[in-house]
């Protein structure tokens, strides 16, 4: 048996250099993306569609300072550090949101490891899906990952403390639901 929970998001981007969440859904049970329960974000990268990670000065370093556990993500290479290599080559920010959402959950005590990011139509529109252990934590991690990546793109907003606070909040949420 499977269920779908959908939440439409009308939040507007702070500027042209922001990822905008168009829709958040939670799918329980087998679905087109996975046999696992997943959070599905549909996002609009807007002008960021033209800026892969290797073209944003200092982005990778700021991301790893905020979420050091990302250094161990294998990504499609199957080897630890594969995601860092993908960022160095240049990957899209939707893909970064996917990994950040997984890592935020992991840092909060969860164990989800699966995710995918795919183009979903017009330029800049992407579907991001990632597994979760706890639905509320997964949803919160997705929203926090978008906020984190948006902050890192700007480069002038301090986000490491915010990421640490987010992990504490997610951990408390997860603990309260056990």
N, C-alpha and C. Protein backbone atom coordinates (compact mmCIF):
# COMPACT_ATOMS: atom_id res chain seq x y z
N UNK A 1 0.84 -1.18 0.00
CA UNK A 1 0.00 0.00 0.00
C UNK A 1 0.88 1.24 0.00
N UNK A 2 0.48 2.24 -0.73
CA UNK A 2 1.25 3.48 -0.76
C UNK A 2 0.31 4.66 -0.64
N UNK A 3 0.86 5.76 -0.15
CA UNK A 3 0.10 7.00 -0.03
C UNK A 3 0.97 8.15 -0.52
N UNK A 4 0.34 9.23 -0.89
CA UNK A 4 1.05 10.42 -1.34
C UNK A 4 0.54 11.61 -0.53
N UNK A 5 1.45 12.37 0.00
CA UNK A 5 1.12 13.62 0.67
C UNK A 5 1.72 14.74 -0.15
N UNK A 6 0.94 15.74 -0.51
CA UNK A 6 1.45 16.83 -1.34
C UNK A 6 1.26 18.16 -0.63
N UNK A 7 2.27 19.01 -0.76
CA UNK A 7 2.20 20.37 -0.22
C UNK A 7 2.68 21.31 -1.31
N UNK A 8 1.80 22.18 -1.77
CA UNK A 8 2.20 23.19 -2.76
C UNK A 8 2.93 24.31 -2.04
N UNK A 9 3.96 24.83 -2.65
CA UNK A 9 4.74 25.90 -2.05
C UNK A 9 4.64 27.13 -2.93
N UNK A 10 4.29 28.25 -2.34
CA UNK A 10 4.17 29.48 -3.11
C UNK A 10 5.24 30.48 -2.75
N UNK A 11 6.22 30.05 -1.95
CA UNK A 11 7.30 30.94 -1.55
C UNK A 11 8.05 31.42 -2.78
N UNK A 12 8.26 32.71 -2.90
CA UNK A 12 8.98 33.28 -4.03
C UNK A 12 10.46 33.38 -3.71
N UNK A 13 11.31 33.28 -4.72
CA UNK A 13 12.75 33.38 -4.47
C UNK A 13 13.12 34.77 -3.98
N UNK A 14 14.19 34.82 -3.18
CA UNK A 14 14.66 36.10 -2.65
C UNK A 14 15.24 36.96 -3.76
N UNK A 15 15.82 36.31 -4.76
CA UNK A 15 16.39 37.04 -5.90
C UNK A 15 16.52 36.06 -7.06
N UNK A 16 17.08 36.50 -8.15
CA UNK A 16 17.19 35.63 -9.31
C UNK A 16 18.17 34.49 -9.10
N UNK A 17 19.01 34.61 -8.07
CA UNK A 17 19.99 33.57 -7.79
C UNK A 17 19.52 32.68 -6.65
N UNK A 18 18.30 32.20 -6.74
CA UNK A 18 17.74 31.32 -5.72
C UNK A 18 17.00 30.16 -6.36
N UNK A 19 17.08 29.03 -5.69
CA UNK A 19 16.27 27.88 -6.06
C UNK A 19 14.89 28.09 -5.45
N UNK A 20 13.87 27.85 -6.23
CA UNK A 20 12.49 28.00 -5.77
C UNK A 20 11.83 26.63 -5.74
N UNK A 21 11.27 26.25 -4.60
CA UNK A 21 10.55 24.98 -4.49
C UNK A 21 9.15 25.18 -5.04
N UNK A 22 8.80 24.40 -6.05
CA UNK A 22 7.47 24.48 -6.66
C UNK A 22 6.48 23.55 -5.99
N UNK A 23 6.97 22.39 -5.52
CA UNK A 23 6.07 21.40 -4.91
C UNK A 23 6.90 20.46 -4.05
N UNK A 24 6.30 20.06 -2.95
CA UNK A 24 6.88 19.04 -2.08
C UNK A 24 5.86 17.92 -1.93
N UNK A 25 6.30 16.70 -2.17
CA UNK A 25 5.42 15.53 -1.99
C UNK A 25 6.18 14.48 -1.21
N UNK A 26 5.43 13.64 -0.51
CA UNK A 26 6.00 12.48 0.15
C UNK A 26 5.29 11.26 -0.42
N UNK A 27 6.06 10.31 -0.89
CA UNK A 27 5.50 9.08 -1.45
C UNK A 27 5.93 7.92 -0.57
N UNK A 28 4.94 7.18 -0.07
CA UNK A 28 5.20 6.02 0.78
C UNK A 28 5.04 4.77 -0.06
N UNK A 29 5.99 3.88 0.01
CA UNK A 29 5.89 2.63 -0.71
C UNK A 29 6.41 2.76 -2.13
N UNK A 30 6.32 1.69 -2.90
CA UNK A 30 6.85 1.71 -4.27
C UNK A 30 6.24 2.83 -5.10
N UNK A 31 7.09 3.49 -5.87
CA UNK A 31 6.66 4.61 -6.71
C UNK A 31 7.57 4.65 -7.93
N UNK A 32 7.36 5.59 -8.81
CA UNK A 32 8.14 5.62 -10.06
C UNK A 32 9.62 5.86 -9.81
N UNK A 33 9.98 6.37 -8.63
CA UNK A 33 11.37 6.71 -8.35
C UNK A 33 12.10 5.62 -7.58
N UNK A 34 11.37 4.92 -6.71
CA UNK A 34 12.04 4.02 -5.78
C UNK A 34 11.03 3.08 -5.14
N UNK A 35 11.54 2.00 -4.57
CA UNK A 35 10.69 1.13 -3.75
C UNK A 35 10.61 1.67 -2.33
N UNK A 36 11.51 2.60 -2.01
CA UNK A 36 11.56 3.19 -0.67
C UNK A 36 10.63 4.39 -0.57
N UNK A 37 10.20 4.73 0.63
CA UNK A 37 9.49 5.99 0.81
C UNK A 37 10.45 7.15 0.50
N UNK A 38 9.93 8.17 -0.18
CA UNK A 38 10.79 9.29 -0.58
C UNK A 38 10.09 10.63 -0.40
N UNK A 39 10.91 11.66 -0.28
CA UNK A 39 10.45 13.03 -0.42
C UNK A 39 10.74 13.43 -1.86
N UNK A 40 9.79 14.07 -2.51
CA UNK A 40 9.95 14.52 -3.89
C UNK A 40 9.78 16.04 -3.91
N UNK A 41 10.84 16.73 -4.31
CA UNK A 41 10.79 18.17 -4.49
C UNK A 41 10.83 18.47 -5.98
N UNK A 42 9.94 19.31 -6.44
CA UNK A 42 10.07 19.85 -7.80
C UNK A 42 10.55 21.28 -7.60
N UNK A 43 11.69 21.59 -8.22
CA UNK A 43 12.29 22.90 -8.01
C UNK A 43 12.53 23.60 -9.33
N UNK A 44 12.63 24.92 -9.24
CA UNK A 44 13.01 25.76 -10.38
C UNK A 44 14.33 26.41 -10.01
N UNK A 45 15.37 26.08 -10.77
CA UNK A 45 16.68 26.68 -10.52
C UNK A 45 16.77 28.11 -11.02
N UNK A 46 15.84 28.52 -11.87
CA UNK A 46 15.88 29.87 -12.41
C UNK A 46 17.21 30.16 -13.08
N UNK A 47 17.78 31.30 -12.79
CA UNK A 47 19.06 31.70 -13.40
C UNK A 47 20.20 30.78 -12.98
N UNK A 48 20.03 30.04 -11.89
CA UNK A 48 21.09 29.13 -11.43
C UNK A 48 21.27 27.94 -12.38
N UNK A 49 20.31 27.74 -13.28
CA UNK A 49 20.46 26.69 -14.29
C UNK A 49 21.74 26.91 -15.10
N UNK A 50 22.17 28.14 -15.20
CA UNK A 50 23.37 28.46 -15.98
C UNK A 50 24.65 28.38 -15.16
N UNK A 51 24.54 28.02 -13.88
CA UNK A 51 25.71 28.02 -13.00
C UNK A 51 25.92 26.67 -12.33
N UNK A 52 26.61 25.74 -12.98
CA UNK A 52 26.98 24.52 -12.28
C UNK A 52 27.97 24.84 -11.16
N UNK A 53 28.18 23.90 -10.28
CA UNK A 53 28.99 24.14 -9.08
C UNK A 53 30.41 24.62 -9.38
N UNK A 54 30.99 24.18 -10.47
CA UNK A 54 32.37 24.58 -10.76
C UNK A 54 32.48 26.03 -11.23
N UNK A 55 31.36 26.69 -11.48
CA UNK A 55 31.38 28.09 -11.91
C UNK A 55 30.99 29.06 -10.79
N UNK A 56 30.77 28.54 -9.59
CA UNK A 56 30.42 29.38 -8.44
C UNK A 56 31.62 29.40 -7.51
N UNK A 57 32.32 30.50 -7.48
CA UNK A 57 33.57 30.61 -6.72
C UNK A 57 33.38 30.22 -5.26
N UNK A 58 34.17 29.25 -4.80
CA UNK A 58 34.18 28.84 -3.40
C UNK A 58 32.99 28.04 -2.95
N UNK A 59 32.09 27.70 -3.86
CA UNK A 59 30.86 27.01 -3.46
C UNK A 59 31.15 25.67 -2.79
N UNK A 60 31.94 24.83 -3.44
CA UNK A 60 32.23 23.51 -2.89
C UNK A 60 32.87 23.57 -1.52
N UNK A 61 33.80 24.49 -1.34
CA UNK A 61 34.47 24.64 -0.06
C UNK A 61 33.48 25.07 1.03
N UNK A 62 32.61 26.01 0.71
CA UNK A 62 31.61 26.47 1.68
C UNK A 62 30.63 25.35 2.02
N UNK A 63 30.24 24.57 1.02
CA UNK A 63 29.32 23.46 1.26
C UNK A 63 29.96 22.43 2.18
N UNK A 64 31.20 22.05 1.90
CA UNK A 64 31.88 21.04 2.72
C UNK A 64 32.16 21.56 4.13
N UNK A 65 32.38 22.86 4.28
CA UNK A 65 32.55 23.43 5.62
C UNK A 65 31.24 23.35 6.40
N UNK A 66 30.12 23.49 5.71
CA UNK A 66 28.81 23.44 6.34
C UNK A 66 28.37 22.01 6.63
N UNK A 67 28.65 21.10 5.71
CA UNK A 67 28.26 19.69 5.85
C UNK A 67 29.45 18.79 5.52
N UNK A 68 30.40 18.64 6.44
CA UNK A 68 31.62 17.88 6.14
C UNK A 68 31.37 16.43 5.75
N UNK A 69 30.26 15.84 6.20
CA UNK A 69 29.96 14.46 5.86
C UNK A 69 29.77 14.23 4.37
N UNK A 70 29.51 15.29 3.61
CA UNK A 70 29.36 15.15 2.15
C UNK A 70 30.63 14.63 1.50
N UNK A 71 31.77 14.80 2.15
CA UNK A 71 33.04 14.31 1.60
C UNK A 71 33.02 12.80 1.45
N UNK A 72 32.16 12.11 2.17
CA UNK A 72 32.08 10.65 2.10
C UNK A 72 31.03 10.15 1.12
N UNK A 73 30.22 11.04 0.56
CA UNK A 73 29.17 10.60 -0.36
C UNK A 73 29.79 10.07 -1.65
N UNK A 74 29.36 8.88 -2.03
CA UNK A 74 29.92 8.23 -3.22
C UNK A 74 29.31 8.75 -4.51
N UNK A 75 28.04 9.08 -4.49
CA UNK A 75 27.34 9.51 -5.69
C UNK A 75 27.42 8.40 -6.73
N UNK A 76 27.34 8.74 -7.99
CA UNK A 76 27.29 7.73 -9.05
C UNK A 76 28.61 7.00 -9.26
N UNK A 77 29.71 7.51 -8.68
CA UNK A 77 31.00 6.84 -8.86
C UNK A 77 31.08 5.57 -8.05
N UNK A 78 30.29 5.48 -6.97
CA UNK A 78 30.35 4.32 -6.10
C UNK A 78 31.51 4.36 -5.13
N UNK A 79 32.30 5.42 -5.14
CA UNK A 79 33.46 5.53 -4.26
C UNK A 79 33.32 6.74 -3.35
N UNK A 80 33.74 6.60 -2.08
CA UNK A 80 33.70 7.78 -1.20
C UNK A 80 34.43 8.95 -1.85
N UNK A 81 33.85 10.12 -1.74
CA UNK A 81 34.43 11.30 -2.36
C UNK A 81 33.93 11.54 -3.77
N UNK A 82 33.11 10.64 -4.28
CA UNK A 82 32.60 10.78 -5.64
C UNK A 82 31.78 12.05 -5.84
N UNK A 83 31.00 12.41 -4.83
CA UNK A 83 30.19 13.62 -4.95
C UNK A 83 31.08 14.86 -5.00
N UNK A 84 32.14 14.89 -4.21
CA UNK A 84 33.07 16.03 -4.24
C UNK A 84 33.68 16.15 -5.64
N UNK A 85 34.02 15.03 -6.24
CA UNK A 85 34.53 15.04 -7.61
C UNK A 85 33.52 15.58 -8.60
N UNK A 86 32.27 15.18 -8.43
CA UNK A 86 31.21 15.69 -9.32
C UNK A 86 31.07 17.20 -9.19
N UNK A 87 31.18 17.71 -7.95
CA UNK A 87 31.09 19.17 -7.77
C UNK A 87 32.27 19.87 -8.43
N UNK A 88 33.45 19.28 -8.34
CA UNK A 88 34.63 19.89 -8.96
C UNK A 88 34.49 19.94 -10.48
N UNK A 89 33.89 18.89 -11.06
CA UNK A 89 33.66 18.86 -12.51
C UNK A 89 32.55 19.81 -12.91
N UNK A 90 31.61 20.02 -12.01
CA UNK A 90 30.45 20.87 -12.28
C UNK A 90 29.19 20.04 -12.32
N UNK A 91 28.38 20.15 -11.30
CA UNK A 91 27.08 19.50 -11.26
C UNK A 91 26.04 20.56 -10.95
N UNK A 92 24.78 20.25 -11.21
CA UNK A 92 23.71 21.23 -11.03
C UNK A 92 23.29 21.32 -9.58
N UNK A 93 22.77 22.46 -9.21
CA UNK A 93 22.45 22.72 -7.82
C UNK A 93 21.30 21.87 -7.29
N UNK A 94 20.43 21.39 -8.16
CA UNK A 94 19.41 20.45 -7.72
C UNK A 94 20.04 19.18 -7.17
N UNK A 95 21.09 18.72 -7.82
CA UNK A 95 21.84 17.54 -7.37
C UNK A 95 22.47 17.81 -6.01
N UNK A 96 22.95 19.03 -5.80
CA UNK A 96 23.53 19.39 -4.51
C UNK A 96 22.45 19.37 -3.42
N UNK A 97 21.26 19.87 -3.73
CA UNK A 97 20.15 19.84 -2.76
C UNK A 97 19.87 18.39 -2.35
N UNK A 98 19.84 17.49 -3.32
CA UNK A 98 19.61 16.06 -3.02
C UNK A 98 20.60 15.56 -1.98
N UNK A 99 21.89 15.76 -2.24
CA UNK A 99 22.91 15.27 -1.31
C UNK A 99 22.86 15.99 0.03
N UNK A 100 22.59 17.29 0.02
CA UNK A 100 22.50 18.04 1.27
C UNK A 100 21.34 17.52 2.12
N UNK A 101 20.20 17.21 1.50
CA UNK A 101 19.05 16.69 2.25
C UNK A 101 19.38 15.34 2.87
N UNK A 102 20.07 14.49 2.13
CA UNK A 102 20.48 13.19 2.68
C UNK A 102 21.46 13.38 3.83
N UNK A 103 22.43 14.27 3.65
CA UNK A 103 23.44 14.47 4.69
C UNK A 103 22.86 15.13 5.93
N UNK A 104 21.94 16.06 5.78
CA UNK A 104 21.29 16.65 6.95
C UNK A 104 20.57 15.58 7.76
N UNK A 105 19.90 14.65 7.08
CA UNK A 105 19.23 13.56 7.79
C UNK A 105 20.24 12.65 8.47
N UNK A 106 21.33 12.35 7.78
CA UNK A 106 22.36 11.49 8.35
C UNK A 106 22.97 12.15 9.59
N UNK A 107 23.27 13.44 9.49
CA UNK A 107 23.87 14.15 10.62
C UNK A 107 22.91 14.21 11.81
N UNK A 108 21.62 14.11 11.55
CA UNK A 108 20.61 14.12 12.61
C UNK A 108 20.32 12.72 13.15
N UNK A 109 21.08 11.72 12.70
CA UNK A 109 20.93 10.37 13.21
C UNK A 109 20.21 9.40 12.29
N UNK A 110 19.79 9.85 11.12
CA UNK A 110 19.12 8.97 10.16
C UNK A 110 20.13 8.20 9.32
N UNK A 111 19.61 7.31 8.48
CA UNK A 111 20.49 6.50 7.64
C UNK A 111 20.11 6.46 6.17
N UNK A 112 19.30 7.38 5.67
CA UNK A 112 18.95 7.29 4.24
C UNK A 112 20.16 7.59 3.36
N UNK A 113 20.25 6.86 2.26
CA UNK A 113 21.40 7.02 1.36
C UNK A 113 21.01 7.19 -0.09
N UNK A 114 19.77 7.01 -0.43
CA UNK A 114 19.37 7.01 -1.84
C UNK A 114 18.70 8.31 -2.26
N UNK A 115 19.06 8.77 -3.45
CA UNK A 115 18.43 9.95 -4.01
C UNK A 115 18.68 10.02 -5.50
N UNK A 116 17.89 10.83 -6.18
CA UNK A 116 18.04 11.06 -7.62
C UNK A 116 17.61 12.48 -7.92
N UNK A 117 18.22 13.04 -8.94
CA UNK A 117 17.80 14.35 -9.44
C UNK A 117 17.73 14.26 -10.95
N UNK A 118 16.60 14.67 -11.52
CA UNK A 118 16.40 14.58 -12.96
C UNK A 118 15.72 15.84 -13.48
N UNK A 119 16.07 16.23 -14.70
CA UNK A 119 15.38 17.34 -15.37
C UNK A 119 13.91 16.95 -15.52
N UNK A 120 13.02 17.94 -15.41
CA UNK A 120 11.59 17.66 -15.41
C UNK A 120 10.82 18.60 -16.33
N UNK A 121 11.33 18.81 -17.51
CA UNK A 121 10.58 19.65 -18.44
C UNK A 121 11.35 20.87 -18.86
N UNK A 122 10.73 22.04 -18.73
CA UNK A 122 11.40 23.27 -19.20
C UNK A 122 12.75 23.46 -18.51
N UNK A 123 13.63 24.22 -19.14
CA UNK A 123 14.94 24.48 -18.57
C UNK A 123 14.83 24.96 -17.13
N UNK A 124 15.64 24.38 -16.29
CA UNK A 124 15.71 24.80 -14.90
C UNK A 124 14.77 24.10 -13.95
N UNK A 125 13.84 23.30 -14.46
CA UNK A 125 12.89 22.58 -13.60
C UNK A 125 13.44 21.17 -13.37
N UNK A 126 13.56 20.80 -12.09
CA UNK A 126 14.13 19.51 -11.73
C UNK A 126 13.26 18.81 -10.70
N UNK A 127 13.25 17.47 -10.78
CA UNK A 127 12.67 16.63 -9.74
C UNK A 127 13.82 16.11 -8.90
N UNK A 128 13.73 16.33 -7.61
CA UNK A 128 14.72 15.84 -6.66
C UNK A 128 13.99 14.87 -5.75
N UNK A 129 14.49 13.66 -5.63
CA UNK A 129 13.89 12.69 -4.72
C UNK A 129 14.98 12.14 -3.81
N UNK A 130 14.60 11.88 -2.58
CA UNK A 130 15.56 11.29 -1.63
C UNK A 130 14.79 10.51 -0.57
N UNK A 131 15.44 9.46 -0.09
CA UNK A 131 14.84 8.60 0.91
C UNK A 131 14.82 9.29 2.27
N UNK A 132 14.00 8.75 3.16
CA UNK A 132 13.94 9.25 4.53
C UNK A 132 13.64 8.10 5.46
N UNK A 133 14.03 8.28 6.73
CA UNK A 133 13.66 7.33 7.78
C UNK A 133 12.40 7.81 8.50
N UNK A 134 12.26 9.13 8.62
CA UNK A 134 11.13 9.76 9.31
C UNK A 134 10.60 10.85 8.38
N UNK A 135 9.31 10.80 8.09
CA UNK A 135 8.73 11.74 7.12
C UNK A 135 8.94 13.20 7.51
N UNK A 136 8.67 13.55 8.76
CA UNK A 136 8.81 14.95 9.18
C UNK A 136 10.26 15.41 9.06
N UNK A 137 11.19 14.55 9.43
CA UNK A 137 12.61 14.90 9.32
C UNK A 137 13.00 15.02 7.85
N UNK A 138 12.51 14.12 7.01
CA UNK A 138 12.81 14.19 5.58
C UNK A 138 12.31 15.47 4.94
N UNK A 139 11.07 15.83 5.25
CA UNK A 139 10.51 17.09 4.72
C UNK A 139 11.33 18.29 5.17
N UNK A 140 11.63 18.33 6.47
CA UNK A 140 12.40 19.45 7.02
C UNK A 140 13.80 19.50 6.41
N UNK A 141 14.40 18.34 6.20
CA UNK A 141 15.74 18.30 5.60
C UNK A 141 15.71 18.82 4.18
N UNK A 142 14.66 18.51 3.43
CA UNK A 142 14.55 19.02 2.06
C UNK A 142 14.47 20.53 2.02
N UNK A 143 13.62 21.10 2.88
CA UNK A 143 13.48 22.56 2.93
C UNK A 143 14.78 23.20 3.39
N UNK A 144 15.42 22.61 4.39
CA UNK A 144 16.67 23.16 4.90
C UNK A 144 17.78 23.07 3.86
N UNK A 145 17.79 21.99 3.08
CA UNK A 145 18.82 21.84 2.04
C UNK A 145 18.69 22.93 0.99
N UNK A 146 17.47 23.25 0.59
CA UNK A 146 17.26 24.33 -0.38
C UNK A 146 17.75 25.66 0.21
N UNK A 147 17.39 25.93 1.45
CA UNK A 147 17.82 27.17 2.09
C UNK A 147 19.35 27.23 2.19
N UNK A 148 19.96 26.12 2.55
CA UNK A 148 21.42 26.07 2.68
C UNK A 148 22.10 26.36 1.34
N UNK A 149 21.66 25.67 0.30
CA UNK A 149 22.27 25.87 -1.02
C UNK A 149 22.07 27.31 -1.49
N UNK A 150 20.87 27.85 -1.30
CA UNK A 150 20.65 29.25 -1.67
C UNK A 150 21.61 30.17 -0.93
N UNK A 151 21.83 29.93 0.35
CA UNK A 151 22.75 30.75 1.12
C UNK A 151 24.18 30.62 0.66
N UNK A 152 24.57 29.41 0.27
CA UNK A 152 25.94 29.18 -0.19
C UNK A 152 26.20 29.81 -1.55
N UNK A 153 25.19 29.87 -2.40
CA UNK A 153 25.35 30.49 -3.71
C UNK A 153 25.68 31.96 -3.55
N UNK A 154 24.98 32.61 -2.62
CA UNK A 154 25.24 34.03 -2.38
C UNK A 154 26.67 34.27 -1.92
N UNK A 155 27.21 33.34 -1.16
CA UNK A 155 28.59 33.44 -0.73
C UNK A 155 28.83 34.43 0.38
N UNK A 156 27.93 35.36 0.59
CA UNK A 156 28.16 36.36 1.62
C UNK A 156 27.29 36.15 2.85
N UNK A 157 26.45 35.12 2.83
CA UNK A 157 25.62 34.84 4.00
C UNK A 157 26.26 33.71 4.80
N UNK A 158 26.48 33.91 6.11
CA UNK A 158 27.06 32.84 6.91
C UNK A 158 26.06 31.70 7.05
N UNK A 159 26.46 30.50 6.68
CA UNK A 159 25.51 29.39 6.73
C UNK A 159 26.00 28.22 7.58
N UNK A 160 27.27 28.18 7.94
CA UNK A 160 27.76 27.04 8.71
C UNK A 160 27.03 26.93 10.04
N UNK A 161 26.89 28.03 10.76
CA UNK A 161 26.15 28.01 12.02
C UNK A 161 24.70 27.62 11.79
N UNK A 162 24.12 28.12 10.72
CA UNK A 162 22.73 27.77 10.41
C UNK A 162 22.60 26.28 10.12
N UNK A 163 23.58 25.71 9.41
CA UNK A 163 23.55 24.27 9.12
C UNK A 163 23.66 23.47 10.42
N UNK A 164 24.54 23.90 11.31
CA UNK A 164 24.68 23.21 12.60
C UNK A 164 23.39 23.29 13.40
N UNK A 165 22.74 24.45 13.40
CA UNK A 165 21.47 24.60 14.11
C UNK A 165 20.39 23.73 13.46
N UNK A 166 20.40 23.65 12.15
CA UNK A 166 19.43 22.80 11.45
C UNK A 166 19.61 21.35 11.85
N UNK A 167 20.85 20.88 11.92
CA UNK A 167 21.10 19.50 12.33
C UNK A 167 20.58 19.28 13.75
N UNK A 168 20.82 20.21 14.65
CA UNK A 168 20.31 20.08 16.03
C UNK A 168 18.78 20.02 16.03
N UNK A 169 18.16 20.86 15.23
CA UNK A 169 16.70 20.88 15.16
C UNK A 169 16.17 19.57 14.59
N UNK A 170 16.79 19.07 13.52
CA UNK A 170 16.36 17.80 12.92
C UNK A 170 16.56 16.64 13.89
N UNK A 171 17.68 16.66 14.61
CA UNK A 171 17.95 15.60 15.59
C UNK A 171 16.87 15.62 16.68
N UNK A 172 16.53 16.80 17.18
CA UNK A 172 15.49 16.91 18.21
C UNK A 172 14.14 16.43 17.67
N UNK A 173 13.83 16.79 16.43
CA UNK A 173 12.58 16.34 15.81
C UNK A 173 12.56 14.82 15.70
N UNK A 174 13.67 14.24 15.23
CA UNK A 174 13.75 12.79 15.10
C UNK A 174 13.62 12.11 16.46
N UNK A 175 14.30 12.64 17.47
CA UNK A 175 14.24 12.06 18.81
C UNK A 175 12.83 12.13 19.38
N UNK A 176 12.12 13.21 19.12
CA UNK A 176 10.76 13.36 19.66
C UNK A 176 9.77 12.41 19.01
N UNK A 177 10.12 11.87 17.87
CA UNK A 177 9.20 11.00 17.13
C UNK A 177 9.55 9.53 17.30
N UNK A 178 10.57 9.22 18.07
CA UNK A 178 10.96 7.81 18.30
C UNK A 178 10.24 7.23 19.48
